[in-house]
């Protein structure tokens, strides 16, 4: 990432944190852009501009970083609905539907997003596209039980299906103990229909299609920071 883009992403993250007000319950996303927002949030908490903040993390890595930064955290069972969640995305369409999950936290990210009144997504200018699937595969998180059966199902509807691997070329295992298949569909003509099809298959516990969940999009562009709200 070039230095100018780092500065732009930092500016975009600062803009996202402006949605946070004292007394709010805040969702903390996973990934490099979300981490920039989390660091800014910590600055405002320790500087006294934000008080009575409590947060929920979308991954163990985010939780550990938030604790290191001194952000007050709520329990993992999400005892409260959230006011604002700040997160990133891998691809965004004109309706603010998203593909998420490159960092492997898609299931927890969706749980947090669905429990949030206002979801703010921060991306750089490479992420918007005319149709989801143009730029990125769709991550699909499945139970390890029956994983080869899940793979066969995915291969029947996708053009390519790849088991995600991590260290030492071993299957990547999510915080919830599942594995991920990255599925190529190409530009997806019916995003809602595909989401319904994936949701209906037993053993699939989550997928990276986030439909009607983002309320605001902040894009770090070389020309400046762009803000869009859903339906605007």
Protein backbone atom coordinates (compact mmCIF):
# COMPACT_ATOMS: atom_id res chain seq x y z
CA UNK A 1 0.00 0.00 0.00
CA UNK A 2 1.43 3.37 -1.01
CA UNK A 3 1.85 6.13 1.57
CA UNK A 4 -0.84 8.34 -0.03
CA UNK A 5 -3.35 5.47 0.17
CA UNK A 6 -2.45 4.86 3.82
CA UNK A 7 -3.19 8.52 4.56
CA UNK A 8 -6.48 8.34 2.65
CA UNK A 9 -7.57 5.20 4.49
CA UNK A 10 -6.68 6.84 7.79
CA UNK A 11 -8.81 9.85 6.82
CA UNK A 12 -11.68 7.56 5.82
CA UNK A 13 -11.42 5.70 9.13
CA UNK A 14 -11.53 9.00 11.03
CA UNK A 15 -14.67 9.96 9.11
CA UNK A 16 -16.29 6.67 10.08
CA UNK A 17 -15.53 7.17 13.76
CA UNK A 18 -17.40 10.49 13.63
CA UNK A 19 -20.60 8.42 13.68
CA UNK A 20 -19.73 7.30 17.22
CA UNK A 21 -21.20 9.39 20.05
CA UNK A 22 -20.66 9.19 23.83
CA UNK A 23 -22.57 6.37 25.47
CA UNK A 24 -22.76 4.22 22.34
CA UNK A 25 -22.25 0.51 21.97
CA UNK A 26 -19.88 -0.05 19.04
CA UNK A 27 -19.10 -3.00 16.79
CA UNK A 28 -15.45 -3.36 15.81
CA UNK A 29 -14.72 -4.93 12.42
CA UNK A 30 -11.84 -7.09 11.30
CA UNK A 31 -9.10 -6.10 8.83
CA UNK A 32 -6.63 -3.31 8.19
CA UNK A 33 -9.14 -0.51 7.58
CA UNK A 34 -11.27 -1.47 10.57
CA UNK A 35 -8.12 -1.50 12.70
CA UNK A 36 -7.38 2.10 11.71
CA UNK A 37 -10.87 3.08 12.87
CA UNK A 38 -10.39 1.16 16.12
CA UNK A 39 -7.16 3.02 16.84
CA UNK A 40 -8.88 6.35 16.25
CA UNK A 41 -11.71 5.29 18.56
CA UNK A 42 -9.18 4.46 21.27
CA UNK A 43 -7.57 7.89 20.85
CA UNK A 44 -10.91 9.62 21.40
CA UNK A 45 -11.75 7.45 24.40
CA UNK A 46 -8.43 8.10 26.11
CA UNK A 47 -8.57 11.78 25.15
CA UNK A 48 -11.93 12.16 26.87
CA UNK A 49 -13.91 13.09 23.76
CA UNK A 50 -15.81 9.80 23.91
CA UNK A 51 -16.97 8.30 27.20
CA UNK A 52 -19.16 5.41 28.33
CA UNK A 53 -18.24 3.47 25.20
CA UNK A 54 -18.43 -0.32 25.17
CA UNK A 55 -17.51 -2.40 22.13
CA UNK A 56 -17.99 -5.83 20.61
CA UNK A 57 -15.31 -7.46 18.46
CA UNK A 58 -15.96 -9.45 15.27
CA UNK A 59 -12.92 -11.70 15.74
CA UNK A 60 -10.46 -12.86 18.34
CA UNK A 61 -7.73 -10.79 16.67
CA UNK A 62 -9.88 -7.66 16.86
CA UNK A 63 -10.73 -8.39 20.49
CA UNK A 64 -7.06 -8.75 21.40
CA UNK A 65 -6.16 -5.47 19.66
CA UNK A 66 -9.08 -3.64 21.28
CA UNK A 67 -8.02 -4.83 24.73
CA UNK A 68 -4.45 -3.76 23.98
CA UNK A 69 -5.75 -0.32 23.02
CA UNK A 70 -7.78 -0.06 26.22
CA UNK A 71 -11.24 -0.08 24.65
CA UNK A 72 -13.91 -1.36 27.08
CA UNK A 73 -15.38 -4.61 25.72
CA UNK A 74 -18.67 -6.41 26.23
CA UNK A 75 -19.07 -10.17 26.52
CA UNK A 76 -18.99 -12.37 23.41
CA UNK A 77 -22.65 -13.32 23.84
CA UNK A 78 -23.58 -9.78 22.65
CA UNK A 79 -25.79 -8.83 25.62
CA UNK A 80 -26.85 -5.57 23.95
CA UNK A 81 -27.77 -4.41 20.46
CA UNK A 82 -25.17 -2.08 18.96
CA UNK A 83 -25.55 1.54 17.88
CA UNK A 84 -22.78 1.63 15.27
CA UNK A 85 -20.47 -0.92 13.70
CA UNK A 86 -17.44 0.14 11.67
CA UNK A 87 -16.08 -2.49 9.31
CA UNK A 88 -14.45 -2.99 5.91
CA UNK A 89 -15.50 -4.92 2.81
CA UNK A 90 -13.87 -6.75 -0.08
CA UNK A 91 -16.34 -5.60 -2.74
CA UNK A 92 -19.28 -3.16 -2.77
CA UNK A 93 -22.02 -2.82 -5.37
CA UNK A 94 -24.03 0.35 -6.19
CA UNK A 95 -26.77 -0.69 -3.72
CA UNK A 96 -24.22 -1.01 -0.90
CA UNK A 97 -24.45 -4.79 -0.85
CA UNK A 98 -21.12 -6.35 0.07
CA UNK A 99 -18.80 -9.29 -0.24
CA UNK A 100 -16.93 -9.78 3.02
CA UNK A 101 -14.81 -12.50 4.56
CA UNK A 102 -11.30 -12.21 3.13
CA UNK A 103 -10.09 -12.01 6.71
CA UNK A 104 -12.02 -15.12 7.70
CA UNK A 105 -14.40 -13.44 10.18
CA UNK A 106 -17.54 -13.36 7.97
CA UNK A 107 -19.83 -15.28 10.31
CA UNK A 108 -19.11 -13.14 13.35
CA UNK A 109 -19.12 -9.99 11.22
CA UNK A 110 -22.63 -10.79 9.97
CA UNK A 111 -23.90 -11.57 13.48
CA UNK A 112 -22.59 -8.20 14.66
CA UNK A 113 -23.95 -6.36 11.60
CA UNK A 114 -27.42 -7.83 12.09
CA UNK A 115 -27.38 -6.66 15.72
CA UNK A 116 -26.43 -3.10 14.74
CA UNK A 117 -28.65 -0.09 14.07
CA UNK A 118 -26.14 1.59 11.72
CA UNK A 119 -23.36 -0.22 9.85
CA UNK A 120 -20.62 2.00 8.43
CA UNK A 121 -18.35 0.39 5.83
CA UNK A 122 -14.93 1.85 5.02
CA UNK A 123 -13.08 0.82 1.83
CA UNK A 124 -10.52 2.11 -0.63
CA UNK A 125 -11.28 2.98 -4.24
CA UNK A 126 -10.46 -0.53 -5.51
CA UNK A 127 -13.47 -2.12 -3.76
CA UNK A 128 -16.58 -0.64 -5.47
CA UNK A 129 -17.77 -2.58 -8.53
CA UNK A 130 -20.85 -2.61 -10.78
CA UNK A 131 -21.89 -6.10 -9.64
CA UNK A 132 -20.80 -8.35 -6.78
CA UNK A 133 -18.55 -11.20 -7.87
CA UNK A 134 -16.81 -9.07 -10.50
CA UNK A 135 -13.73 -8.59 -8.33
CA UNK A 136 -13.85 -11.18 -5.57
CA UNK A 137 -14.92 -14.74 -4.82
CA UNK A 138 -17.66 -15.31 -2.25
CA UNK A 139 -16.33 -16.91 0.96
CA UNK A 140 -18.59 -19.67 2.26
CA UNK A 141 -18.04 -20.94 5.81
CA UNK A 142 -19.01 -24.58 6.39
CA UNK A 143 -18.92 -27.12 9.20
CA UNK A 144 -16.04 -29.54 9.05
CA UNK A 145 -18.58 -32.38 9.36
CA UNK A 146 -19.59 -33.18 5.80
CA UNK A 147 -17.16 -30.66 4.37
CA UNK A 148 -16.60 -32.66 1.16
CA UNK A 149 -20.35 -32.87 0.67
CA UNK A 150 -20.60 -29.10 1.10
CA UNK A 151 -17.80 -28.71 -1.44
CA UNK A 152 -19.67 -30.84 -3.98
CA UNK A 153 -22.78 -28.72 -3.54
CA UNK A 154 -20.80 -25.52 -4.01
CA UNK A 155 -19.09 -26.93 -7.10
CA UNK A 156 -22.54 -27.54 -8.59
CA UNK A 157 -23.44 -23.83 -8.46
CA UNK A 158 -20.04 -22.05 -8.72
CA UNK A 159 -17.47 -21.95 -11.49
CA UNK A 160 -14.57 -22.64 -9.09
CA UNK A 161 -14.37 -23.67 -5.44
CA UNK A 162 -11.14 -23.51 -3.43
CA UNK A 163 -10.62 -24.61 0.17
CA UNK A 164 -8.93 -21.72 1.96
CA UNK A 165 -5.60 -22.63 3.50
CA UNK A 166 -3.54 -20.97 6.18
CA UNK A 167 -0.21 -21.65 7.81
CA UNK A 168 1.78 -24.66 6.62
CA UNK A 169 -0.80 -25.10 3.85
CA UNK A 170 -3.29 -26.49 6.37
CA UNK A 171 -7.00 -25.67 6.02
CA UNK A 172 -7.78 -22.26 7.47
CA UNK A 173 -9.98 -22.67 10.55
CA UNK A 174 -12.25 -19.82 11.63
CA UNK A 175 -12.72 -18.58 15.19
CA UNK A 176 -15.87 -20.73 15.27
CA UNK A 177 -13.99 -23.89 14.25
CA UNK A 178 -15.24 -24.04 10.67
CA UNK A 179 -13.51 -24.01 7.27
CA UNK A 180 -14.00 -21.67 4.32
CA UNK A 181 -14.45 -22.34 0.63
CA UNK A 182 -13.77 -19.37 -1.67
CA UNK A 183 -16.28 -19.66 -4.51
CA UNK A 184 -16.02 -17.98 -7.88
CA UNK A 185 -19.37 -17.06 -9.42
CA UNK A 186 -18.30 -14.24 -11.73
CA UNK A 187 -20.60 -11.19 -11.79
CA UNK A 188 -23.66 -12.38 -9.85
CA UNK A 189 -26.93 -11.65 -11.65
CA UNK A 190 -29.17 -12.50 -8.67
CA UNK A 191 -27.37 -11.81 -5.41
CA UNK A 192 -30.47 -12.33 -3.28
CA UNK A 193 -31.29 -15.62 -4.96
CA UNK A 194 -27.76 -16.90 -4.43
CA UNK A 195 -27.87 -15.89 -0.76
CA UNK A 196 -31.14 -17.78 -0.28
CA UNK A 197 -29.68 -20.86 -1.97
CA UNK A 198 -26.60 -20.83 0.24
CA UNK A 199 -28.62 -20.20 3.40
CA UNK A 200 -30.85 -23.19 2.63
CA UNK A 201 -28.02 -25.75 2.49
CA UNK A 202 -27.45 -27.58 5.78
CA UNK A 203 -23.84 -27.32 6.89
CA UNK A 204 -23.26 -23.88 5.46
CA UNK A 205 -23.07 -21.69 8.55
CA UNK A 206 -22.34 -18.40 6.81
CA UNK A 207 -21.41 -16.71 3.57
CA UNK A 208 -19.84 -13.44 2.54
CA UNK A 209 -22.89 -11.92 0.82
CA UNK A 210 -24.02 -9.04 3.06
CA UNK A 211 -27.32 -7.79 1.64
CA UNK A 212 -29.13 -4.70 2.98
CA UNK A 213 -26.84 -4.54 6.00
CA UNK A 214 -24.63 -1.52 5.22
CA UNK A 215 -26.14 1.90 5.87
CA UNK A 216 -23.17 4.10 5.04
CA UNK A 217 -20.16 3.68 2.74
CA UNK A 218 -16.98 5.73 3.10
CA UNK A 219 -14.55 5.37 0.21
CA UNK A 220 -10.93 6.52 0.35
CA UNK A 221 -10.25 7.79 -3.17
CA UNK A 222 -7.17 9.49 -4.60
CA UNK A 223 -9.40 12.55 -5.09
CA UNK A 224 -10.58 12.56 -1.48
CA UNK A 225 -13.11 10.94 0.85
CA UNK A 226 -16.50 9.96 -0.57
CA UNK A 227 -19.53 9.26 1.64
CA UNK A 228 -22.64 7.48 0.40
CA UNK A 229 -25.74 6.39 2.30
CA UNK A 230 -27.95 3.54 1.20
CA UNK A 231 -30.66 4.75 -1.15
CA UNK A 232 -28.87 8.09 -1.76
